[in-house]
Amino acid sequence: MKQTNEDVGSMCCDSFATACYLHLKAECKEERVAARKLIQQVLDVMGWENRRTFFNRLFDSLPGNEVVYAEAIPKHSEFRRLFAGENSSERM
């Protein structure tokens, strides 16, 4: 099956949103690490060249901003529904 750039982009957006959700709901360190590893994989696919500082800041500021970050990217409706009822201002 041939994948297009659009397919890869869609997969990255959906995976990033999923990882943000997993990080938001994590109840232990291992769950947070798993979510961060998924984000790391997405960023690896996107490429770190000329983005290293931005990506590192994203990682540093992830806790408490999961909903904001997930809302900032396009994703399929099923992934948008993961965040139904979550409010970024309630997490702070």
Foldseek 3Di string as FASTA:
>chain_A
DDDDPVNLLQVLLLQLLVLLLQCQPDPDPVSVVVSVVSNVVSDVVVPCVVCVVVVVVCVVPSVLCSVVVSVVDDYDPVSVVSCVPPDSVVRD
